[in-house]
PDB file of N, CA and C in Angstrom:
ATOM      1  N   MET A   1      54.930 271.607  49.696  1.00  0.00           N
ATOM      2  CA  MET A   1      55.318 270.482  48.866  1.00  0.00           C
ATOM      3  C   MET A   1      55.701 270.962  47.468  1.00  0.00           C
ATOM      4  N   GLN A   2      54.951 271.952  46.980  1.00  0.00           N
ATOM      5  CA  GLN A   2      55.217 272.489  45.654  1.00  0.00           C
ATOM      6  C   GLN A   2      56.591 273.157  45.597  1.00  0.00           C
ATOM      7  N   LYS A   3      56.964 273.866  46.686  1.00  0.00           N
ATOM      8  CA  LYS A   3      58.262 274.534  46.714  1.00  0.00           C
ATOM      9  C   LYS A   3      59.400 273.520  46.717  1.00  0.00           C
ATOM     10  N   LEU A   4      59.203 272.429  47.449  1.00  0.00           N
ATOM     11  CA  LEU A   4      60.223 271.392  47.505  1.00  0.00           C
ATOM     12  C   LEU A   4      60.438 270.765  46.137  1.00  0.00           C
ATOM     13  N   LEU A   5      59.333 270.461  45.447  1.00  0.00           N
ATOM     14  CA  LEU A   5      59.452 269.880  44.108  1.00  0.00           C
ATOM     15  C   LEU A   5      60.101 270.860  43.135  1.00  0.00           C
ATOM     16  N   SER A   6      59.787 272.142  43.288  1.00  0.00           N
ATOM     17  CA  SER A   6      60.392 273.160  42.441  1.00  0.00           C
ATOM     18  C   SER A   6      61.896 273.237  42.677  1.00  0.00           C
ATOM     19  N   LYS A   7      62.309 273.187  43.943  1.00  0.00           N
ATOM     20  CA  LYS A   7      63.736 273.228  44.257  1.00  0.00           C
ATOM     21  C   LYS A   7      64.462 272.006  43.712  1.00  0.00           C
ATOM     22  N   ILE A   8      63.833 270.841  43.841  1.00  0.00           N
ATOM     23  CA  ILE A   8      64.441 269.610  43.325  1.00  0.00           C
ATOM     24  C   ILE A   8      64.572 269.676  41.815  1.00  0.00           C
ATOM     25  N   ALA A   9      63.545 270.195  41.133  1.00  0.00           N
ATOM     26  CA  ALA A   9      63.585 270.301  39.676  1.00  0.00           C
ATOM     27  C   ALA A   9      64.673 271.274  39.235  1.00  0.00           C
ATOM     28  N   LYS A  10      64.790 272.411  39.918  1.00  0.00           N
ATOM     29  CA  LYS A  10      65.826 273.388  39.563  1.00  0.00           C
ATOM     30  C   LYS A  10      67.223 272.811  39.780  1.00  0.00           C
ATOM     31  N   PHE A  11      67.417 272.147  40.914  1.00  0.00           N
ATOM     32  CA  PHE A  11      68.722 271.541  41.195  1.00  0.00           C
ATOM     33  C   PHE A  11      69.067 270.506  40.136  1.00  0.00           C
ATOM     34  N   SER A  12      68.104 269.660  39.791  1.00  0.00           N
ATOM     35  CA  SER A  12      68.347 268.619  38.799  1.00  0.00           C
ATOM     36  C   SER A  12      68.692 269.223  37.447  1.00  0.00           C
ATOM     37  N   TYR A  13      67.967 270.273  37.077  1.00  0.00           N
ATOM     38  CA  TYR A  13      68.219 270.925  35.787  1.00  0.00           C
ATOM     39  C   TYR A  13      69.627 271.503  35.732  1.00  0.00           C
ATOM     40  N   PHE A  14      70.014 272.273  36.739  1.00  0.00           N
ATOM     41  CA  PHE A  14      71.337 272.896  36.733  1.00  0.00           C
ATOM     42  C   PHE A  14      72.450 271.861  36.878  1.00  0.00           C
ATOM     43  N   PHE A  15      72.197 270.809  37.645  1.00  0.00           N
ATOM     44  CA  PHE A  15      73.196 269.753  37.797  1.00  0.00           C
ATOM     45  C   PHE A  15      73.444 269.059  36.462  1.00  0.00           C
ATOM     46  N   MET A  16      72.379 268.703  35.771  1.00  0.00           N
ATOM     47  CA  MET A  16      72.530 268.004  34.499  1.00  0.00           C
ATOM     48  C   MET A  16      73.154 268.908  33.434  1.00  0.00           C
ATOM     49  N   CYS A  17      72.753 270.193  33.414  1.00  0.00           N
ATOM     50  CA  CYS A  17      73.360 271.123  32.440  1.00  0.00           C
ATOM     51  C   CYS A  17      74.852 271.260  32.712  1.00  0.00           C
ATOM     52  N   GLY A  18      75.219 271.413  33.967  1.00  0.00           N
ATOM     53  CA  GLY A  18      76.628 271.513  34.315  1.00  0.00           C
ATOM     54  C   GLY A  18      77.381 270.240  33.997  1.00  0.00           C
ATOM     55  N   TRP A  19      76.742 269.123  34.228  1.00  0.00           N
ATOM     56  CA  TRP A  19      77.377 267.835  33.948  1.00  0.00           C
ATOM     57  C   TRP A  19      77.715 267.718  32.468  1.00  0.00           C
ATOM     58  N   TYR A  20      76.752 268.034  31.611  1.00  0.00           N
ATOM     59  CA  TYR A  20      76.983 267.910  30.175  1.00  0.00           C
ATOM     60  C   TYR A  20      77.866 269.020  29.633  1.00  0.00           C
ATOM     61  N   LEU A  21      77.854 270.173  30.252  1.00  0.00           N
ATOM     62  CA  LEU A  21      78.615 271.309  29.760  1.00  0.00           C
ATOM     63  C   LEU A  21      80.104 271.184  30.076  1.00  0.00           C
ATOM     64  N   PHE A  22      80.425 270.652  31.248  1.00  0.00           N
ATOM     65  CA  PHE A  22      81.815 270.650  31.705  1.00  0.00           C
ATOM     66  C   PHE A  22      82.500 269.287  31.661  1.00  0.00           C
ATOM     67  N   THR A  23      81.908 268.326  31.020  1.00  0.00           N
ATOM     68  CA  THR A  23      82.580 267.035  30.885  1.00  0.00           C
ATOM     69  C   THR A  23      83.208 266.923  29.504  1.00  0.00           C
ATOM     70  N   LEU A  24      84.287 266.171  29.453  1.00  0.00           N
ATOM     71  CA  LEU A  24      84.988 265.961  28.198  1.00  0.00           C
ATOM     72  C   LEU A  24      84.822 264.515  27.770  1.00  0.00           C
ATOM     73  N   PRO A  25      84.697 264.282  26.484  1.00  0.00           N
ATOM     74  CA  PRO A  25      84.619 262.892  26.040  1.00  0.00           C
ATOM     75  C   PRO A  25      85.981 262.212  26.214  1.00  0.00           C
ATOM     76  N   VAL A  26      85.974 261.040  26.777  1.00  0.00           N
ATOM     77  CA  VAL A  26      87.209 260.313  27.032  1.00  0.00           C
ATOM     78  C   VAL A  26      87.085 258.938  26.403  1.00  0.00           C
ATOM     79  N   HIS A  27      88.100 258.570  25.682  1.00  0.00           N
ATOM     80  CA  HIS A  27      88.131 257.248  25.077  1.00  0.00           C
ATOM     81  C   HIS A  27      89.153 256.426  25.860  1.00  0.00           C
ATOM     82  N   ALA A  28      88.650 255.689  26.823  1.00  0.00           N
ATOM     83  CA  ALA A  28      89.543 254.935  27.694  1.00  0.00           C
ATOM     84  C   ALA A  28      89.089 253.488  27.754  1.00  0.00           C
ATOM     85  N   TYR A  29      90.013 252.665  28.149  1.00  0.00           N
ATOM     86  CA  TYR A  29      89.746 251.238  28.279  1.00  0.00           C
ATOM     87  C   TYR A  29      90.143 250.817  29.683  1.00  0.00           C
ATOM     88  N   ILE A  30      89.208 250.193  30.387  1.00  0.00           N
ATOM     89  CA  ILE A  30      89.519 249.668  31.717  1.00  0.00           C
ATOM     90  C   ILE A  30      89.819 248.188  31.552  1.00  0.00           C
ATOM     91  N   ASP A  31      91.019 247.834  31.875  1.00  0.00           N
ATOM     92  CA  ASP A  31      91.457 246.458  31.746  1.00  0.00           C
ATOM     93  C   ASP A  31      90.697 245.583  32.743  1.00  0.00           C
ATOM     94  N   PRO A  32      90.197 244.423  32.320  1.00  0.00           N
ATOM     95  CA  PRO A  32      89.462 243.552  33.247  1.00  0.00           C
ATOM     96  C   PRO A  32      90.273 243.146  34.477  1.00  0.00           C
ATOM     97  N   SER A  33      91.583 243.053  34.340  1.00  0.00           N
ATOM     98  CA  SER A  33      92.389 242.686  35.505  1.00  0.00           C
ATOM     99  C   SER A  33      92.385 243.805  36.543  1.00  0.00           C
ATOM    100  N   ALA A  34      92.249 245.051  36.104  1.00  0.00           N
ATOM    101  CA  ALA A  34      92.163 246.165  37.048  1.00  0.00           C
ATOM    102  C   ALA A  34      90.857 246.089  37.841  1.00  0.00           C
ATOM    103  N   VAL A  35      89.809 245.644  37.176  1.00  0.00           N
ATOM    104  CA  VAL A  35      88.520 245.503  37.859  1.00  0.00           C
ATOM    105  C   VAL A  35      88.597 244.412  38.918  1.00  0.00           C
ATOM    106  N   THR A  36      89.320 243.339  38.650  1.00  0.00           N
ATOM    107  CA  THR A  36      89.446 242.285  39.652  1.00  0.00           C
ATOM    108  C   THR A  36      90.218 242.784  40.870  1.00  0.00           C
ATOM    109  N   TYR A  37      91.190 243.684  40.663  1.00  0.00           N
ATOM    110  CA  TYR A  37      91.892 244.269  41.807  1.00  0.00           C
ATOM    111  C   TYR A  37      90.939 245.109  42.658  1.00  0.00           C
ATOM    112  N   ILE A  38      90.065 245.839  41.997  1.00  0.00           N
ATOM    113  CA  ILE A  38      89.083 246.649  42.730  1.00  0.00           C
ATOM    114  C   ILE A  38      88.142 245.747  43.526  1.00  0.00           C
ATOM    115  N   ILE A  39      87.680 244.673  42.900  1.00  0.00           N
ATOM    116  CA  ILE A  39      86.783 243.737  43.594  1.00  0.00           C
ATOM    117  C   ILE A  39      87.504 243.098  44.780  1.00  0.00           C
ATOM    118  N   GLN A  40      88.760 242.732  44.608  1.00  0.00           N
ATOM    119  CA  GLN A  40      89.527 242.150  45.701  1.00  0.00           C
ATOM    120  C   GLN A  40      89.726 243.145  46.833  1.00  0.00           C
ATOM    121  N   ALA A  41      89.946 244.408  46.508  1.00  0.00           N
ATOM    122  CA  ALA A  41      90.131 245.424  47.543  1.00  0.00           C
ATOM    123  C   ALA A  41      88.842 245.628  48.334  1.00  0.00           C
ATOM    124  N   VAL A  42      87.716 245.694  47.644  1.00  0.00           N
ATOM    125  CA  VAL A  42      86.429 245.862  48.332  1.00  0.00           C
ATOM    126  C   VAL A  42      86.132 244.648  49.200  1.00  0.00           C
ATOM    127  N   ALA A  43      86.382 243.458  48.685  1.00  0.00           N
ATOM    128  CA  ALA A  43      86.155 242.248  49.463  1.00  0.00           C
ATOM    129  C   ALA A  43      87.072 242.207  50.680  1.00  0.00           C
ATOM    130  N   GLY A  44      88.312 242.616  50.518  1.00  0.00           N
ATOM    131  CA  GLY A  44      89.247 242.648  51.644  1.00  0.00           C
ATOM    132  C   GLY A  44      88.800 243.603  52.732  1.00  0.00           C
ATOM    133  N   VAL A  45      88.295 244.774  52.339  1.00  0.00           N
ATOM    134  CA  VAL A  45      87.801 245.734  53.329  1.00  0.00           C
ATOM    135  C   VAL A  45      86.596 245.165  54.070  1.00  0.00           C
ATOM    136  N   LEU A  46      85.673 244.540  53.343  1.00  0.00           N
ATOM    137  CA  LEU A  46      84.488 243.957  53.989  1.00  0.00           C
ATOM    138  C   LEU A  46      84.866 242.821  54.942  1.00  0.00           C
ATOM    139  N   ILE A  47      85.806 242.002  54.552  1.00  0.00           N
ATOM    140  CA  ILE A  47      86.242 240.901  55.419  1.00  0.00           C
ATOM    141  C   ILE A  47      86.938 241.455  56.659  1.00  0.00           C
ATOM    142  N   ALA A  48      87.757 242.488  56.488  1.00  0.00           N
ATOM    143  CA  ALA A  48      88.432 243.095  57.640  1.00  0.00           C
ATOM    144  C   ALA A  48      87.426 243.724  58.597  1.00  0.00           C
ATOM    145  N   LEU A  49      86.416 244.410  58.063  1.00  0.00           N
ATOM    146  CA  LEU A  49      85.375 244.985  58.928  1.00  0.00           C
ATOM    147  C   LEU A  49      84.619 243.897  59.679  1.00  0.00           C
ATOM    148  N   GLY A  50      84.338 242.795  59.005  1.00  0.00           N
ATOM    149  CA  GLY A  50      83.672 241.677  59.668  1.00  0.00           C
ATOM    150  C   GLY A  50      84.517 241.101  60.788  1.00  0.00           C
ATOM    151  N   ALA A  51      85.812 240.996  60.558  1.00  0.00           N
ATOM    152  CA  ALA A  51      86.708 240.478  61.602  1.00  0.00           C
ATOM    153  C   ALA A  51      86.769 241.426  62.789  1.00  0.00           C
ATOM    154  N   VAL A  52      86.836 242.728  62.524  1.00  0.00           N
ATOM    155  CA  VAL A  52      86.879 243.709  63.616  1.00  0.00           C
ATOM    156  C   VAL A  52      85.580 243.674  64.415  1.00  0.00           C
ATOM    157  N   LEU A  53      84.454 243.609  63.715  1.00  0.00           N
ATOM    158  CA  LEU A  53      83.169 243.548  64.424  1.00  0.00           C
ATOM    159  C   LEU A  53      83.051 242.270  65.247  1.00  0.00           C
ATOM    160  N   THR A  54      83.579 241.178  64.736  1.00  0.00           N
ATOM    161  CA  THR A  54      83.537 239.927  65.488  1.00  0.00           C
ATOM    162  C   THR A  54      84.418 240.004  66.729  1.00  0.00           C
ATOM    163  N   ILE A  55      85.577 240.593  66.603  1.00  0.00           N
ATOM    164  CA  ILE A  55      86.495 240.690  67.739  1.00  0.00           C
ATOM    165  C   ILE A  55      85.919 241.586  68.833  1.00  0.00           C
ATOM    166  N   PHE A  56      85.347 242.712  68.452  1.00  0.00           N
ATOM    167  CA  PHE A  56      84.839 243.667  69.430  1.00  0.00           C
ATOM    168  C   PHE A  56      83.337 243.550  69.657  1.00  0.00           C
ATOM    169  N   ARG A  57      82.768 242.387  69.332  1.00  0.00           N
ATOM    170  CA  ARG A  57      81.330 242.172  69.469  1.00  0.00           C
ATOM    171  C   ARG A  57      80.856 242.373  70.896  1.00  0.00           C
ATOM    172  N   HIS A  58      81.583 241.881  71.869  1.00  0.00           N
ATOM    173  CA  HIS A  58      81.141 242.006  73.257  1.00  0.00           C
ATOM    174  C   HIS A  58      81.144 243.459  73.716  1.00  0.00           C
ATOM    175  N   LYS A  59      82.078 244.251  73.237  1.00  0.00           N
ATOM    176  CA  LYS A  59      82.100 245.668  73.598  1.00  0.00           C
ATOM    177  C   LYS A  59      80.947 246.420  72.946  1.00  0.00           C
ATOM    178  N   ILE A  60      80.622 246.046  71.712  1.00  0.00           N
ATOM    179  CA  ILE A  60      79.514 246.702  71.017  1.00  0.00           C
ATOM    180  C   ILE A  60      78.201 246.378  71.712  1.00  0.00           C
ATOM    181  N   PHE A  61      77.988 245.100  72.062  1.00  0.00           N
ATOM    182  CA  PHE A  61      76.754 244.714  72.749  1.00  0.00           C
ATOM    183  C   PHE A  61      76.662 245.370  74.120  1.00  0.00           C
ATOM    184  N   ALA A  62      77.774 245.456  74.828  1.00  0.00           N
ATOM    185  CA  ALA A  62      77.772 246.101  76.144  1.00  0.00           C
ATOM    186  C   ALA A  62      77.412 247.579  76.021  1.00  0.00           C
ATOM    187  N   PHE A  63      77.874 248.229  74.967  1.00  0.00           N
ATOM    188  CA  PHE A  63      77.552 249.635  74.749  1.00  0.00           C
ATOM    189  C   PHE A  63      76.055 249.827  74.559  1.00  0.00           C
ATOM    190  N   PHE A  64      75.426 248.961  73.750  1.00  0.00           N
ATOM    191  CA  PHE A  64      73.998 249.109  73.506  1.00  0.00           C
ATOM    192  C   PHE A  64      73.163 248.702  74.720  1.00  0.00           C
ATOM    193  N   LYS A  65      73.624 247.718  75.484  1.00  0.00           N
ATOM    194  CA  LYS A  65      72.900 247.336  76.691  1.00  0.00           C
ATOM    195  C   LYS A  65      72.962 248.442  77.737  1.00  0.00           C
ATOM    196  N   LYS A  66      74.081 249.130  77.812  1.00  0.00           N
ATOM    197  CA  LYS A  66      74.244 250.209  78.775  1.00  0.00           C
ATOM    198  C   LYS A  66      73.328 251.371  78.442  1.00  0.00           C
ATOM    199  N   ASN A  67      73.091 251.609  77.161  1.00  0.00           N
ATOM    200  CA  ASN A  67      72.286 252.738  76.741  1.00  0.00           C
ATOM    201  C   ASN A  67      70.789 252.450  76.712  1.00  0.00           C
ATOM    202  N   LYS A  68      70.386 251.229  77.098  1.00  0.00           N
ATOM    203  CA  LYS A  68      68.965 250.915  77.158  1.00  0.00           C
ATOM    204  C   LYS A  68      68.300 251.694  78.274  1.00  0.00           C
ATOM    205  N   LYS A  69      67.024 251.889  78.144  1.00  0.00           N
ATOM    206  CA  LYS A  69      66.278 252.555  79.203  1.00  0.00           C
ATOM    207  C   LYS A  69      66.236 251.664  80.432  1.00  0.00           C
ATOM    208  N   ASP A  70      66.123 252.286  81.613  1.00  0.00           N
ATOM    209  CA  ASP A  70      66.128 251.511  82.854  1.00  0.00           C
ATOM    210  C   ASP A  70      64.908 250.616  82.974  1.00  0.00           C
ATOM    211  N   GLY A  71      63.775 251.009  82.440  1.00  0.00           N
ATOM    212  CA  GLY A  71      62.549 250.236  82.576  1.00  0.00           C
ATOM    213  C   GLY A  71      62.509 248.994  81.718  1.00  0.00           C
ATOM    214  N   GLU A  72      63.342 248.935  80.706  1.00  0.00           N
ATOM    215  CA  GLU A  72      63.327 247.784  79.816  1.00  0.00           C
ATOM    216  C   GLU A  72      64.162 246.648  80.394  1.00  0.00           C
ATOM    217  N   THR A  73      63.621 245.459  80.323  1.00  0.00           N
ATOM    218  CA  THR A  73      64.374 244.279  80.745  1.00  0.00           C
ATOM    219  C   THR A  73      64.476 243.334  79.559  1.00  0.00           C
ATOM    220  N   GLU A  74      65.553 242.643  79.500  1.00  0.00           N
ATOM    221  CA  GLU A  74      65.772 241.726  78.396  1.00  0.00           C
ATOM    222  C   GLU A  74      65.472 240.308  78.856  1.00  0.00           C
ATOM    223  N   LYS A  75      64.636 239.612  78.111  1.00  0.00           N
ATOM    224  CA  LYS A  75      64.313 238.228  78.435  1.00  0.00           C
ATOM    225  C   LYS A  75      65.215 237.324  77.615  1.00  0.00           C
ATOM    226  N   SER A  76      65.732 236.305  78.264  1.00  0.00           N
ATOM    227  CA  SER A  76      66.677 235.427  77.581  1.00  0.00           C
ATOM    228  C   SER A  76      66.001 234.267  76.882  1.00  0.00           C
ATOM    229  N   ALA A  77      64.744 233.972  77.203  1.00  0.00           N
ATOM    230  CA  ALA A  77      64.087 232.852  76.579  1.00  0.00           C
ATOM    231  C   ALA A  77      62.636 233.216  76.284  1.00  0.00           C
ATOM    232  N   ILE A  78      62.028 232.468  75.390  1.00  0.00           N
ATOM    233  CA  ILE A  78      60.622 232.683  75.057  1.00  0.00           C
ATOM    234  C   ILE A  78      59.772 231.953  76.079  1.00  0.00           C
ATOM    235  N   GLU A  79      58.762 232.612  76.587  1.00  0.00           N
ATOM    236  CA  GLU A  79      57.871 231.995  77.554  1.00  0.00           C
ATOM    237  C   GLU A  79      56.636 231.463  76.840  1.00  0.00           C
ATOM    238  N   PHE A  80      56.302 230.216  77.121  1.00  0.00           N
ATOM    239  CA  PHE A  80      55.107 229.613  76.566  1.00  0.00           C
ATOM    240  C   PHE A  80      54.085 229.456  77.671  1.00  0.00           C
ATOM    241  N   LYS A  81      52.858 229.848  77.401  1.00  0.00           N
ATOM    242  CA  LYS A  81      51.801 229.737  78.399  1.00  0.00           C
ATOM    243  C   LYS A  81      50.767 228.726  77.937  1.00  0.00           C
ATOM    244  N   ASP A  82      50.181 228.037  78.913  1.00  0.00           N
ATOM    245  CA  ASP A  82      49.125 227.092  78.590  1.00  0.00           C
ATOM    246  C   ASP A  82      47.851 227.835  78.219  1.00  0.00           C
ATOM    247  N   VAL A  83      47.032 227.198  77.430  1.00  0.00           N
ATOM    248  CA  VAL A  83      45.782 227.816  76.997  1.00  0.00           C
ATOM    249  C   VAL A  83      44.792 227.853  78.160  1.00  0.00           C
ATOM    250  N   ASP A  84      44.889 226.923  79.120  1.00  0.00           N
ATOM    251  CA  ASP A  84      43.936 226.819  80.210  1.00  0.00           C
ATOM    252  C   ASP A  84      44.070 227.945  81.233  1.00  0.00           C
ATOM    253  N   GLU A  85      45.147 228.652  81.241  1.00  0.00           N
ATOM    254  CA  GLU A  85      45.358 229.676  82.263  1.00  0.00           C
ATOM    255  C   GLU A  85      44.437 230.848  82.120  1.00  0.00           C
TER     256      GLU A  85
END
């Protein structure tokens, strides 16, 4: 455990030194309209992934059902038992 923490500390130290040593100060302005384009692009990708997953949902479920162990059975409903049994 001590060696792992030592390695993490060394990596962090050299990473941060390199980060501060090799970066240049930049005076830039990000236009708010550019940020809205980025948000729209991310939202579009997420919506497209959702549509693809919805379209191929039956194939995805069939893949996971096929890979189940033979001993496992899937129950379609919850069984309720009487207390008197």
